[in-house]
Amino acid sequence: MSRIGKTPLAVPPGVKIDAGNGRLVVTGPKGSVETFFPPELSFALEDGGKTARLGRRDDSKKCTSLHGTFRRLL
């Protein structure tokens, strides 16, 4: 598994992350950013929304590259 992709991401206070319907929306005190979210990945908020974690569908080359890339983009 990707070392970058499997690392949980701390969500700062006041920031809301929403992933669904092929879109990823990050909203915070300075504004909002929206981008596409590939169906090969899954998104989960843990610890009451304080930690975000990405998962992937399988170990194909496409999924592994998307996994690390979208973790870094978040």
C-alpha atoms as a PDB file:
ATOM      1  CA  MET A   1       0.000   0.000   0.000  1.00  0.00           C
ATOM      2  CA  SER A   2       1.166   3.539  -0.695  1.00  0.00           C
ATOM      3  CA  ARG A   3       2.983   5.115   2.235  1.00  0.00           C
ATOM      4  CA  ILE A   4       1.558   8.502   1.299  1.00  0.00           C
ATOM      5  CA  GLY A   5      -1.979   7.300   0.647  1.00  0.00           C
ATOM      6  CA  LYS A   6      -2.398   5.245   3.811  1.00  0.00           C
ATOM      7  CA  THR A   7      -1.363   8.069   6.138  1.00  0.00           C
ATOM      8  CA  PRO A   8      -4.396   9.664   7.840  1.00  0.00           C
ATOM      9  CA  LEU A   9      -4.903  13.376   7.256  1.00  0.00           C
ATOM     10  CA  ALA A  10      -5.617  15.729  10.158  1.00  0.00           C
ATOM     11  CA  VAL A  11      -8.523  18.071   9.410  1.00  0.00           C
ATOM     12  CA  PRO A  12      -7.990  21.535  10.950  1.00  0.00           C
ATOM     13  CA  PRO A  13     -10.767  23.020  13.124  1.00  0.00           C
ATOM     14  CA  GLY A  14     -13.344  24.914  11.081  1.00  0.00           C
ATOM     15  CA  VAL A  15     -12.704  22.895   7.907  1.00  0.00           C
ATOM     16  CA  LYS A  16     -15.426  20.681   6.421  1.00  0.00           C
ATOM     17  CA  ILE A  17     -14.671  17.998   3.820  1.00  0.00           C
ATOM     18  CA  ASP A  18     -17.441  16.402   1.779  1.00  0.00           C
ATOM     19  CA  ALA A  19     -16.895  13.685  -0.833  1.00  0.00           C
ATOM     20  CA  GLY A  20     -19.708  12.192  -2.846  1.00  0.00           C
ATOM     21  CA  ASN A  21     -21.289  11.986  -6.296  1.00  0.00           C
ATOM     22  CA  GLY A  22     -17.873  12.263  -7.938  1.00  0.00           C
ATOM     23  CA  ARG A  23     -17.048  15.596  -6.244  1.00  0.00           C
ATOM     24  CA  LEU A  24     -14.733  16.560  -3.410  1.00  0.00           C
ATOM     25  CA  VAL A  25     -15.552  19.817  -1.612  1.00  0.00           C
ATOM     26  CA  VAL A  26     -13.329  21.357   1.073  1.00  0.00           C
ATOM     27  CA  THR A  27     -14.821  24.357   2.885  1.00  0.00           C
ATOM     28  CA  GLY A  28     -13.020  26.454   5.467  1.00  0.00           C
ATOM     29  CA  PRO A  29     -12.886  29.942   6.930  1.00  0.00           C
ATOM     30  CA  LYS A  30     -11.101  31.337   3.847  1.00  0.00           C
ATOM     31  CA  GLY A  31     -13.409  29.850   1.215  1.00  0.00           C
ATOM     32  CA  SER A  32     -14.228  26.674  -0.634  1.00  0.00           C
ATOM     33  CA  VAL A  33     -12.470  24.439  -3.179  1.00  0.00           C
ATOM     34  CA  GLU A  34     -14.193  21.814  -5.316  1.00  0.00           C
ATOM     35  CA  THR A  35     -12.708  19.159  -7.596  1.00  0.00           C
ATOM     36  CA  PHE A  36     -13.669  15.774  -9.044  1.00  0.00           C
ATOM     37  CA  PHE A  37     -13.292  12.620  -6.945  1.00  0.00           C
ATOM     38  CA  PRO A  38     -12.514   9.371  -8.797  1.00  0.00           C
ATOM     39  CA  PRO A  39     -14.765   6.336  -8.221  1.00  0.00           C
ATOM     40  CA  GLU A  40     -11.657   4.174  -7.656  1.00  0.00           C
ATOM     41  CA  LEU A  41     -11.160   5.813  -4.252  1.00  0.00           C
ATOM     42  CA  SER A  42     -13.185   5.886  -1.041  1.00  0.00           C
ATOM     43  CA  PHE A  43     -13.280   8.658   1.555  1.00  0.00           C
ATOM     44  CA  ALA A  44     -14.009   8.418   5.281  1.00  0.00           C
ATOM     45  CA  LEU A  45     -13.984  10.885   8.167  1.00  0.00           C
ATOM     46  CA  GLU A  46     -12.901   9.448  11.527  1.00  0.00           C
ATOM     47  CA  ASP A  47     -12.687  10.741  15.115  1.00  0.00           C
ATOM     48  CA  GLY A  48     -15.724  12.974  14.752  1.00  0.00           C
ATOM     49  CA  GLY A  49     -14.448  14.658  11.601  1.00  0.00           C
ATOM     50  CA  LYS A  50     -10.943  15.348  12.927  1.00  0.00           C
ATOM     51  CA  THR A  51      -9.202  12.810  10.678  1.00  0.00           C
ATOM     52  CA  ALA A  52      -9.727  11.988   6.990  1.00  0.00           C
ATOM     53  CA  ARG A  53      -8.675   8.712   5.404  1.00  0.00           C
ATOM     54  CA  LEU A  54      -8.601   7.634   1.764  1.00  0.00           C
ATOM     55  CA  GLY A  55      -8.929   4.056   0.571  1.00  0.00           C
ATOM     56  CA  ARG A  56      -8.719   2.424  -2.824  1.00  0.00           C
ATOM     57  CA  ARG A  57     -10.697  -0.187  -4.702  1.00  0.00           C
ATOM     58  CA  ASP A  58      -7.798  -2.465  -5.670  1.00  0.00           C
ATOM     59  CA  ASP A  59      -4.031  -2.552  -6.209  1.00  0.00           C
ATOM     60  CA  SER A  60      -4.016  -1.660  -9.905  1.00  0.00           C
ATOM     61  CA  LYS A  61      -1.492   0.905 -11.110  1.00  0.00           C
ATOM     62  CA  LYS A  62      -4.233   3.484 -11.727  1.00  0.00           C
ATOM     63  CA  CYS A  63      -5.709   3.102  -8.218  1.00  0.00           C
ATOM     64  CA  THR A  64      -2.351   3.278  -6.466  1.00  0.00           C
ATOM     65  CA  SER A  65      -1.309   6.431  -8.312  1.00  0.00           C
ATOM     66  CA  LEU A  66      -4.679   8.111  -7.659  1.00  0.00           C
ATOM     67  CA  HIS A  67      -4.504   7.122  -3.981  1.00  0.00           C
ATOM     68  CA  GLY A  68      -1.263   8.983  -3.252  1.00  0.00           C
ATOM     69  CA  THR A  69      -2.091  11.905  -5.527  1.00  0.00           C
ATOM     70  CA  PHE A  70      -5.479  12.666  -3.965  1.00  0.00           C
ATOM     71  CA  ARG A  71      -4.093  12.278  -0.439  1.00  0.00           C
ATOM     72  CA  ARG A  72      -1.540  14.972  -1.253  1.00  0.00           C
ATOM     73  CA  LEU A  73      -4.176  17.166  -2.897  1.00  0.00           C
ATOM     74  CA  LEU A  74      -6.277  17.047   0.267  1.00  0.00           C
END
